[in-house]
Amino acid sequence: MEWPEQSPDLNPIENLWGDFKVRFHKRFVDMFDHPSKNLEARYQYGEVVQDVWCNQGMEIVDALVKSMPKRCQLVIEAEGRWIKY
């Protein structure tokens, strides 16, 4: 199977991860002055990760799912090459 070199990643989880990282970073900065490797801090980081993920909300997921037909059409029009999305 031929695969274009600049083929876009159409996996919507990539966009979800980007949103997650922004929201996690904001919560992290609000809670902690600086990163720490001590055991208590690691437990707190884990709690923040779980809280941010569980409170993600379905709005972004719905928007990503609804955007897929348009993304796929743009990739078809670009003959499998990279698209600006």
PDB file of N, CA and C in Angstrom:
ATOM      1  N   MET A   1       0.841  -1.172   0.000  1.00  0.00           N
ATOM      2  CA  MET A   1       0.000   0.000   0.000  1.00  0.00           C
ATOM      3  C   MET A   1       0.891   1.241   0.000  1.00  0.00           C
ATOM      4  N   GLU A   2       0.599   2.170  -0.882  1.00  0.00           N
ATOM      5  CA  GLU A   2       1.336   3.423  -0.937  1.00  0.00           C
ATOM      6  C   GLU A   2       0.799   4.380   0.114  1.00  0.00           C
ATOM      7  N   TRP A   3       1.697   5.092   0.784  1.00  0.00           N
ATOM      8  CA  TRP A   3       1.306   6.034   1.817  1.00  0.00           C
ATOM      9  C   TRP A   3       2.046   7.345   1.582  1.00  0.00           C
ATOM     10  N   PRO A   4       1.332   8.450   1.374  1.00  0.00           N
ATOM     11  CA  PRO A   4       1.993   9.725   1.125  1.00  0.00           C
ATOM     12  C   PRO A   4       2.888  10.153   2.294  1.00  0.00           C
ATOM     13  N   GLU A   5       4.002  10.796   1.981  1.00  0.00           N
ATOM     14  CA  GLU A   5       4.948  11.207   3.027  1.00  0.00           C
ATOM     15  C   GLU A   5       4.346  12.205   4.000  1.00  0.00           C
ATOM     16  N   GLN A   6       3.515  13.078   3.539  1.00  0.00           N
ATOM     17  CA  GLN A   6       2.947  14.128   4.383  1.00  0.00           C
ATOM     18  C   GLN A   6       1.492  13.840   4.751  1.00  0.00           C
ATOM     19  N   SER A   7       1.171  12.581   4.898  1.00  0.00           N
ATOM     20  CA  SER A   7      -0.197  12.195   5.202  1.00  0.00           C
ATOM     21  C   SER A   7      -0.622  12.736   6.566  1.00  0.00           C
ATOM     22  N   PRO A   8      -1.813  13.336   6.649  1.00  0.00           N
ATOM     23  CA  PRO A   8      -2.266  13.890   7.923  1.00  0.00           C
ATOM     24  C   PRO A   8      -2.708  12.800   8.895  1.00  0.00           C
ATOM     25  N   ASP A   9      -2.612  13.088  10.157  1.00  0.00           N
ATOM     26  CA  ASP A   9      -3.113  12.184  11.175  1.00  0.00           C
ATOM     27  C   ASP A   9      -4.569  12.550  11.415  1.00  0.00           C
ATOM     28  N   LEU A  10      -5.472  11.695  10.986  1.00  0.00           N
ATOM     29  CA  LEU A  10      -6.889  11.990  11.119  1.00  0.00           C
ATOM     30  C   LEU A  10      -7.478  11.444  12.414  1.00  0.00           C
ATOM     31  N   ASN A  11      -6.630  11.004  13.311  1.00  0.00           N
ATOM     32  CA  ASN A  11      -7.108  10.475  14.575  1.00  0.00           C
ATOM     33  C   ASN A  11      -7.525  11.634  15.479  1.00  0.00           C
ATOM     34  N   PRO A  12      -8.809  11.757  15.820  1.00  0.00           N
ATOM     35  CA  PRO A  12      -9.257  12.897  16.625  1.00  0.00           C
ATOM     36  C   PRO A  12      -8.681  12.914  18.037  1.00  0.00           C
ATOM     37  N   ILE A  13      -8.151  11.803  18.509  1.00  0.00           N
ATOM     38  CA  ILE A  13      -7.582  11.775  19.859  1.00  0.00           C
ATOM     39  C   ILE A  13      -6.401  12.741  19.966  1.00  0.00           C
ATOM     40  N   GLU A  14      -5.713  13.006  18.856  1.00  0.00           N
ATOM     41  CA  GLU A  14      -4.593  13.947  18.876  1.00  0.00           C
ATOM     42  C   GLU A  14      -5.067  15.334  19.313  1.00  0.00           C
ATOM     43  N   ASN A  15      -6.202  15.773  18.798  1.00  0.00           N
ATOM     44  CA  ASN A  15      -6.759  17.059  19.194  1.00  0.00           C
ATOM     45  C   ASN A  15      -7.251  17.036  20.637  1.00  0.00           C
ATOM     46  N   LEU A  16      -7.792  15.915  21.046  1.00  0.00           N
ATOM     47  CA  LEU A  16      -8.262  15.768  22.419  1.00  0.00           C
ATOM     48  C   LEU A  16      -7.091  15.858  23.385  1.00  0.00           C
ATOM     49  N   TRP A  17      -5.960  15.231  23.025  1.00  0.00           N
ATOM     50  CA  TRP A  17      -4.757  15.307  23.862  1.00  0.00           C
ATOM     51  C   TRP A  17      -4.263  16.741  23.971  1.00  0.00           C
ATOM     52  N   GLY A  18      -4.308  17.467  22.864  1.00  0.00           N
ATOM     53  CA  GLY A  18      -3.864  18.864  22.886  1.00  0.00           C
ATOM     54  C   GLY A  18      -4.693  19.689  23.863  1.00  0.00           C
ATOM     55  N   ASP A  19      -5.999  19.526  23.820  1.00  0.00           N
ATOM     56  CA  ASP A  19      -6.888  20.232  24.741  1.00  0.00           C
ATOM     57  C   ASP A  19      -6.615  19.808  26.183  1.00  0.00           C
ATOM     58  N   PHE A  20      -6.426  18.513  26.380  1.00  0.00           N
ATOM     59  CA  PHE A  20      -6.146  17.978  27.710  1.00  0.00           C
ATOM     60  C   PHE A  20      -4.865  18.590  28.284  1.00  0.00           C
ATOM     61  N   LYS A  21      -3.814  18.661  27.466  1.00  0.00           N
ATOM     62  CA  LYS A  21      -2.540  19.199  27.942  1.00  0.00           C
ATOM     63  C   LYS A  21      -2.671  20.659  28.365  1.00  0.00           C
ATOM     64  N   VAL A  22      -3.421  21.436  27.611  1.00  0.00           N
ATOM     65  CA  VAL A  22      -3.620  22.845  27.957  1.00  0.00           C
ATOM     66  C   VAL A  22      -4.352  22.958  29.294  1.00  0.00           C
ATOM     67  N   ARG A  23      -5.430  22.180  29.451  1.00  0.00           N
ATOM     68  CA  ARG A  23      -6.201  22.255  30.691  1.00  0.00           C
ATOM     69  C   ARG A  23      -5.422  21.709  31.879  1.00  0.00           C
ATOM     70  N   PHE A  24      -4.644  20.632  31.679  1.00  0.00           N
ATOM     71  CA  PHE A  24      -3.825  20.090  32.761  1.00  0.00           C
ATOM     72  C   PHE A  24      -2.774  21.111  33.190  1.00  0.00           C
ATOM     73  N   HIS A  25      -2.117  21.737  32.227  1.00  0.00           N
ATOM     74  CA  HIS A  25      -1.080  22.708  32.545  1.00  0.00           C
ATOM     75  C   HIS A  25      -1.656  23.865  33.358  1.00  0.00           C
ATOM     76  N   LYS A  26      -2.834  24.339  32.973  1.00  0.00           N
ATOM     77  CA  LYS A  26      -3.460  25.430  33.718  1.00  0.00           C
ATOM     78  C   LYS A  26      -3.725  25.001  35.167  1.00  0.00           C
ATOM     79  N   ARG A  27      -4.278  23.816  35.359  1.00  0.00           N
ATOM     80  CA  ARG A  27      -4.544  23.325  36.717  1.00  0.00           C
ATOM     81  C   ARG A  27      -3.245  23.136  37.484  1.00  0.00           C
ATOM     82  N   PHE A  28      -2.233  22.623  36.810  1.00  0.00           N
ATOM     83  CA  PHE A  28      -0.935  22.384  37.445  1.00  0.00           C
ATOM     84  C   PHE A  28      -0.336  23.689  37.950  1.00  0.00           C
ATOM     85  N   VAL A  29      -0.331  24.696  37.091  1.00  0.00           N
ATOM     86  CA  VAL A  29       0.247  25.986  37.453  1.00  0.00           C
ATOM     87  C   VAL A  29      -0.545  26.625  38.599  1.00  0.00           C
ATOM     88  N   ASP A  30      -1.867  26.462  38.592  1.00  0.00           N
ATOM     89  CA  ASP A  30      -2.685  27.010  39.670  1.00  0.00           C
ATOM     90  C   ASP A  30      -2.405  26.331  41.007  1.00  0.00           C
ATOM     91  N   MET A  31      -2.047  25.046  40.977  1.00  0.00           N
ATOM     92  CA  MET A  31      -1.880  24.279  42.211  1.00  0.00           C
ATOM     93  C   MET A  31      -0.453  24.238  42.747  1.00  0.00           C
ATOM     94  N   PHE A  32       0.531  24.242  41.867  1.00  0.00           N
ATOM     95  CA  PHE A  32       1.912  24.009  42.280  1.00  0.00           C
ATOM     96  C   PHE A  32       2.819  25.140  41.822  1.00  0.00           C
ATOM     97  N   ASP A  33       3.777  25.483  42.665  1.00  0.00           N
ATOM     98  CA  ASP A  33       4.753  26.509  42.295  1.00  0.00           C
ATOM     99  C   ASP A  33       5.775  25.979  41.301  1.00  0.00           C
ATOM    100  N   HIS A  34       6.157  24.708  41.476  1.00  0.00           N
ATOM    101  CA  HIS A  34       7.182  24.109  40.621  1.00  0.00           C
ATOM    102  C   HIS A  34       7.011  22.590  40.656  1.00  0.00           C
ATOM    103  N   PRO A  35       7.494  21.902  39.638  1.00  0.00           N
ATOM    104  CA  PRO A  35       7.410  20.438  39.634  1.00  0.00           C
ATOM    105  C   PRO A  35       8.213  19.837  40.779  1.00  0.00           C
ATOM    106  N   SER A  36       7.721  18.753  41.299  1.00  0.00           N
ATOM    107  CA  SER A  36       8.418  18.056  42.379  1.00  0.00           C
ATOM    108  C   SER A  36       8.356  16.559  42.109  1.00  0.00           C
ATOM    109  N   LYS A  37       9.386  15.860  42.526  1.00  0.00           N
ATOM    110  CA  LYS A  37       9.419  14.414  42.313  1.00  0.00           C
ATOM    111  C   LYS A  37       9.103  13.643  43.586  1.00  0.00           C
ATOM    112  N   ASN A  38       8.769  14.356  44.681  1.00  0.00           N
ATOM    113  CA  ASN A  38       8.491  13.605  45.905  1.00  0.00           C
ATOM    114  C   ASN A  38       7.182  12.821  45.745  1.00  0.00           C
ATOM    115  N   LEU A  39       7.017  11.806  46.549  1.00  0.00           N
ATOM    116  CA  LEU A  39       5.903  10.871  46.415  1.00  0.00           C
ATOM    117  C   LEU A  39       4.553  11.567  46.556  1.00  0.00           C
ATOM    118  N   GLU A  40       4.420  12.463  47.502  1.00  0.00           N
ATOM    119  CA  GLU A  40       3.146  13.161  47.704  1.00  0.00           C
ATOM    120  C   GLU A  40       2.761  13.975  46.471  1.00  0.00           C
ATOM    121  N   ALA A  41       3.735  14.660  45.898  1.00  0.00           N
ATOM    122  CA  ALA A  41       3.472  15.461  44.705  1.00  0.00           C
ATOM    123  C   ALA A  41       3.039  14.572  43.549  1.00  0.00           C
ATOM    124  N   ARG A  42       3.679  13.414  43.402  1.00  0.00           N
ATOM    125  CA  ARG A  42       3.304  12.509  42.307  1.00  0.00           C
ATOM    126  C   ARG A  42       1.866  12.022  42.458  1.00  0.00           C
ATOM    127  N   TYR A  43       1.443  11.759  43.676  1.00  0.00           N
ATOM    128  CA  TYR A  43       0.047  11.370  43.895  1.00  0.00           C
ATOM    129  C   TYR A  43      -0.896  12.513  43.526  1.00  0.00           C
ATOM    130  N   GLN A  44      -0.519  13.726  43.887  1.00  0.00           N
ATOM    131  CA  GLN A  44      -1.344  14.877  43.538  1.00  0.00           C
ATOM    132  C   GLN A  44      -1.419  15.070  42.027  1.00  0.00           C
ATOM    133  N   TYR A  45      -0.301  14.889  41.340  1.00  0.00           N
ATOM    134  CA  TYR A  45      -0.302  15.005  39.877  1.00  0.00           C
ATOM    135  C   TYR A  45      -1.260  13.984  39.275  1.00  0.00           C
ATOM    136  N   GLY A  46      -1.199  12.770  39.798  1.00  0.00           N
ATOM    137  CA  GLY A  46      -2.085  11.714  39.306  1.00  0.00           C
ATOM    138  C   GLY A  46      -3.547  12.065  39.508  1.00  0.00           C
ATOM    139  N   GLU A  47      -3.871  12.656  40.650  1.00  0.00           N
ATOM    140  CA  GLU A  47      -5.249  13.067  40.913  1.00  0.00           C
ATOM    141  C   GLU A  47      -5.683  14.173  39.955  1.00  0.00           C
ATOM    142  N   VAL A  48      -4.776  15.104  39.687  1.00  0.00           N
ATOM    143  CA  VAL A  48      -5.092  16.194  38.753  1.00  0.00           C
ATOM    144  C   VAL A  48      -5.325  15.627  37.353  1.00  0.00           C
ATOM    145  N   VAL A  49      -4.472  14.707  36.923  1.00  0.00           N
ATOM    146  CA  VAL A  49      -4.629  14.090  35.598  1.00  0.00           C
ATOM    147  C   VAL A  49      -5.994  13.428  35.488  1.00  0.00           C
ATOM    148  N   GLN A  50      -6.354  12.639  36.486  1.00  0.00           N
ATOM    149  CA  GLN A  50      -7.646  11.943  36.454  1.00  0.00           C
ATOM    150  C   GLN A  50      -8.806  12.928  36.472  1.00  0.00           C
ATOM    151  N   ASP A  51      -8.714  13.959  37.291  1.00  0.00           N
ATOM    152  CA  ASP A  51      -9.789  14.938  37.380  1.00  0.00           C
ATOM    153  C   ASP A  51      -9.968  15.677  36.056  1.00  0.00           C
ATOM    154  N   VAL A  52      -8.860  16.117  35.480  1.00  0.00           N
ATOM    155  CA  VAL A  52      -8.938  16.853  34.207  1.00  0.00           C
ATOM    156  C   VAL A  52      -9.524  15.957  33.116  1.00  0.00           C
ATOM    157  N   TRP A  53      -9.076  14.702  33.045  1.00  0.00           N
ATOM    158  CA  TRP A  53      -9.573  13.789  32.012  1.00  0.00           C
ATOM    159  C   TRP A  53     -11.055  13.489  32.213  1.00  0.00           C
ATOM    160  N   CYS A  54     -11.451  13.205  33.454  1.00  0.00           N
ATOM    161  CA  CYS A  54     -12.847  12.831  33.730  1.00  0.00           C
ATOM    162  C   CYS A  54     -13.809  14.004  33.550  1.00  0.00           C
ATOM    163  N   ASN A  55     -13.310  15.218  33.656  1.00  0.00           N
ATOM    164  CA  ASN A  55     -14.159  16.397  33.492  1.00  0.00           C
ATOM    165  C   ASN A  55     -13.963  17.065  32.142  1.00  0.00           C
ATOM    166  N   GLN A  56     -13.462  16.309  31.197  1.00  0.00           N
ATOM    167  CA  GLN A  56     -13.175  16.820  29.854  1.00  0.00           C
ATOM    168  C   GLN A  56     -14.432  17.396  29.210  1.00  0.00           C
ATOM    169  N   GLY A  57     -15.548  16.747  29.399  1.00  0.00           N
ATOM    170  CA  GLY A  57     -16.771  17.198  28.751  1.00  0.00           C
ATOM    171  C   GLY A  57     -16.872  16.616  27.351  1.00  0.00           C
ATOM    172  N   MET A  58     -18.076  16.439  26.911  1.00  0.00           N
ATOM    173  CA  MET A  58     -18.300  15.819  25.604  1.00  0.00           C
ATOM    174  C   MET A  58     -18.355  16.830  24.470  1.00  0.00           C
ATOM    175  N   GLU A  59     -18.340  18.117  24.789  1.00  0.00           N
ATOM    176  CA  GLU A  59     -18.449  19.116  23.728  1.00  0.00           C
ATOM    177  C   GLU A  59     -17.309  18.994  22.726  1.00  0.00           C
ATOM    178  N   ILE A  60     -16.097  18.890  23.226  1.00  0.00           N
ATOM    179  CA  ILE A  60     -14.953  18.788  22.313  1.00  0.00           C
ATOM    180  C   ILE A  60     -14.978  17.465  21.554  1.00  0.00           C
ATOM    181  N   VAL A  61     -15.383  16.398  22.218  1.00  0.00           N
ATOM    182  CA  VAL A  61     -15.471  15.091  21.553  1.00  0.00           C
ATOM    183  C   VAL A  61     -16.503  15.158  20.433  1.00  0.00           C
ATOM    184  N   ASP A  62     -17.664  15.728  20.729  1.00  0.00           N
ATOM    185  CA  ASP A  62     -18.707  15.871  19.706  1.00  0.00           C
ATOM    186  C   ASP A  62     -18.223  16.709  18.529  1.00  0.00           C
ATOM    187  N   ALA A  63     -17.548  17.812  18.823  1.00  0.00           N
ATOM    188  CA  ALA A  63     -17.046  18.682  17.758  1.00  0.00           C
ATOM    189  C   ALA A  63     -16.028  17.945  16.885  1.00  0.00           C
ATOM    190  N   LEU A  64     -15.158  17.151  17.517  1.00  0.00           N
ATOM    191  CA  LEU A  64     -14.156  16.402  16.750  1.00  0.00           C
ATOM    192  C   LEU A  64     -14.817  15.350  15.860  1.00  0.00           C
ATOM    193  N   VAL A  65     -15.791  14.655  16.404  1.00  0.00           N
ATOM    194  CA  VAL A  65     -16.503  13.634  15.615  1.00  0.00           C
ATOM    195  C   VAL A  65     -17.214  14.290  14.437  1.00  0.00           C
ATOM    196  N   LYS A  66     -17.887  15.414  14.695  1.00  0.00           N
ATOM    197  CA  LYS A  66     -18.619  16.103  13.624  1.00  0.00           C
ATOM    198  C   LYS A  66     -17.689  16.673  12.557  1.00  0.00           C
ATOM    199  N   SER A  67     -16.431  16.944  12.911  1.00  0.00           N
ATOM    200  CA  SER A  67     -15.489  17.515  11.946  1.00  0.00           C
ATOM    201  C   SER A  67     -14.883  16.463  11.009  1.00  0.00           C
ATOM    202  N   MET A  68     -15.043  15.189  11.324  1.00  0.00           N
ATOM    203  CA  MET A  68     -14.373  14.146  10.542  1.00  0.00           C
ATOM    204  C   MET A  68     -14.777  14.101   9.067  1.00  0.00           C
ATOM    205  N   PRO A  69     -16.064  14.203   8.720  1.00  0.00           N
ATOM    206  CA  PRO A  69     -16.386  14.188   7.274  1.00  0.00           C
ATOM    207  C   PRO A  69     -15.672  15.302   6.504  1.00  0.00           C
ATOM    208  N   LYS A  70     -15.625  16.505   7.095  1.00  0.00           N
ATOM    209  CA  LYS A  70     -14.948  17.625   6.428  1.00  0.00           C
ATOM    210  C   LYS A  70     -13.455  17.351   6.312  1.00  0.00           C
ATOM    211  N   ARG A  71     -12.849  16.836   7.384  1.00  0.00           N
ATOM    212  CA  ARG A  71     -11.417  16.526   7.354  1.00  0.00           C
ATOM    213  C   ARG A  71     -11.116  15.487   6.277  1.00  0.00           C
ATOM    214  N   CYS A  72     -11.927  14.448   6.243  1.00  0.00           N
ATOM    215  CA  CYS A  72     -11.708  13.388   5.252  1.00  0.00           C
ATOM    216  C   CYS A  72     -11.835  13.931   3.836  1.00  0.00           C
ATOM    217  N   GLN A  73     -12.832  14.783   3.597  1.00  0.00           N
ATOM    218  CA  GLN A  73     -13.011  15.370   2.274  1.00  0.00           C
ATOM    219  C   GLN A  73     -11.806  16.218   1.886  1.00  0.00           C
ATOM    220  N   LEU A  74     -11.284  16.985   2.838  1.00  0.00           N
ATOM    221  CA  LEU A  74     -10.108  17.805   2.552  1.00  0.00           C
ATOM    222  C   LEU A  74      -8.887  16.949   2.213  1.00  0.00           C
ATOM    223  N   VAL A  75      -8.741  15.822   2.894  1.00  0.00           N
ATOM    224  CA  VAL A  75      -7.619  14.911   2.606  1.00  0.00           C
ATOM    225  C   VAL A  75      -7.783  14.313   1.213  1.00  0.00           C
ATOM    226  N   ILE A  76      -9.010  13.947   0.861  1.00  0.00           N
ATOM    227  CA  ILE A  76      -9.278  13.400  -0.481  1.00  0.00           C
ATOM    228  C   ILE A  76      -8.915  14.446  -1.533  1.00  0.00           C
ATOM    229  N   GLU A  77      -9.355  15.679  -1.307  1.00  0.00           N
ATOM    230  CA  GLU A  77      -9.055  16.750  -2.262  1.00  0.00           C
ATOM    231  C   GLU A  77      -7.555  17.035  -2.343  1.00  0.00           C
ATOM    232  N   ALA A  78      -6.843  16.834  -1.232  1.00  0.00           N
ATOM    233  CA  ALA A  78      -5.388  17.057  -1.211  1.00  0.00           C
ATOM    234  C   ALA A  78      -4.629  15.806  -1.650  1.00  0.00           C
ATOM    235  N   GLU A  79      -5.358  14.817  -2.145  1.00  0.00           N
ATOM    236  CA  GLU A  79      -4.780  13.555  -2.614  1.00  0.00           C
ATOM    237  C   GLU A  79      -3.905  12.892  -1.551  1.00  0.00           C
ATOM    238  N   GLY A  80      -4.400  12.926  -0.312  1.00  0.00           N
ATOM    239  CA  GLY A  80      -3.707  12.233   0.781  1.00  0.00           C
ATOM    240  C   GLY A  80      -2.588  13.010   1.429  1.00  0.00           C
ATOM    241  N   ARG A  81      -2.363  14.200   0.956  1.00  0.00           N
ATOM    242  CA  ARG A  81      -1.290  15.014   1.523  1.00  0.00           C
ATOM    243  C   ARG A  81      -1.782  15.756   2.765  1.00  0.00           C
ATOM    244  N   TRP A  82      -0.863  16.509   3.375  1.00  0.00           N
ATOM    245  CA  TRP A  82      -1.143  17.269   4.588  1.00  0.00           C
ATOM    246  C   TRP A  82      -2.225  18.304   4.329  1.00  0.00           C
ATOM    247  N   ILE A  83      -3.080  18.508   5.316  1.00  0.00           N
ATOM    248  CA  ILE A  83      -4.096  19.558   5.231  1.00  0.00           C
ATOM    249  C   ILE A  83      -3.924  20.499   6.415  1.00  0.00           C
ATOM    250  N   LYS A  84      -4.341  21.720   6.253  1.00  0.00           N
ATOM    251  CA  LYS A  84      -4.262  22.687   7.345  1.00  0.00           C
ATOM    252  C   LYS A  84      -5.566  22.593   8.126  1.00  0.00           C
ATOM    253  N   TYR A  85      -5.534  21.861   9.221  1.00  0.00           N
ATOM    254  CA  TYR A  85      -6.743  21.718  10.030  1.00  0.00           C
ATOM    255  C   TYR A  85      -6.366  21.700  11.472  1.00  0.00           C
TER     256      TYR A  85
END
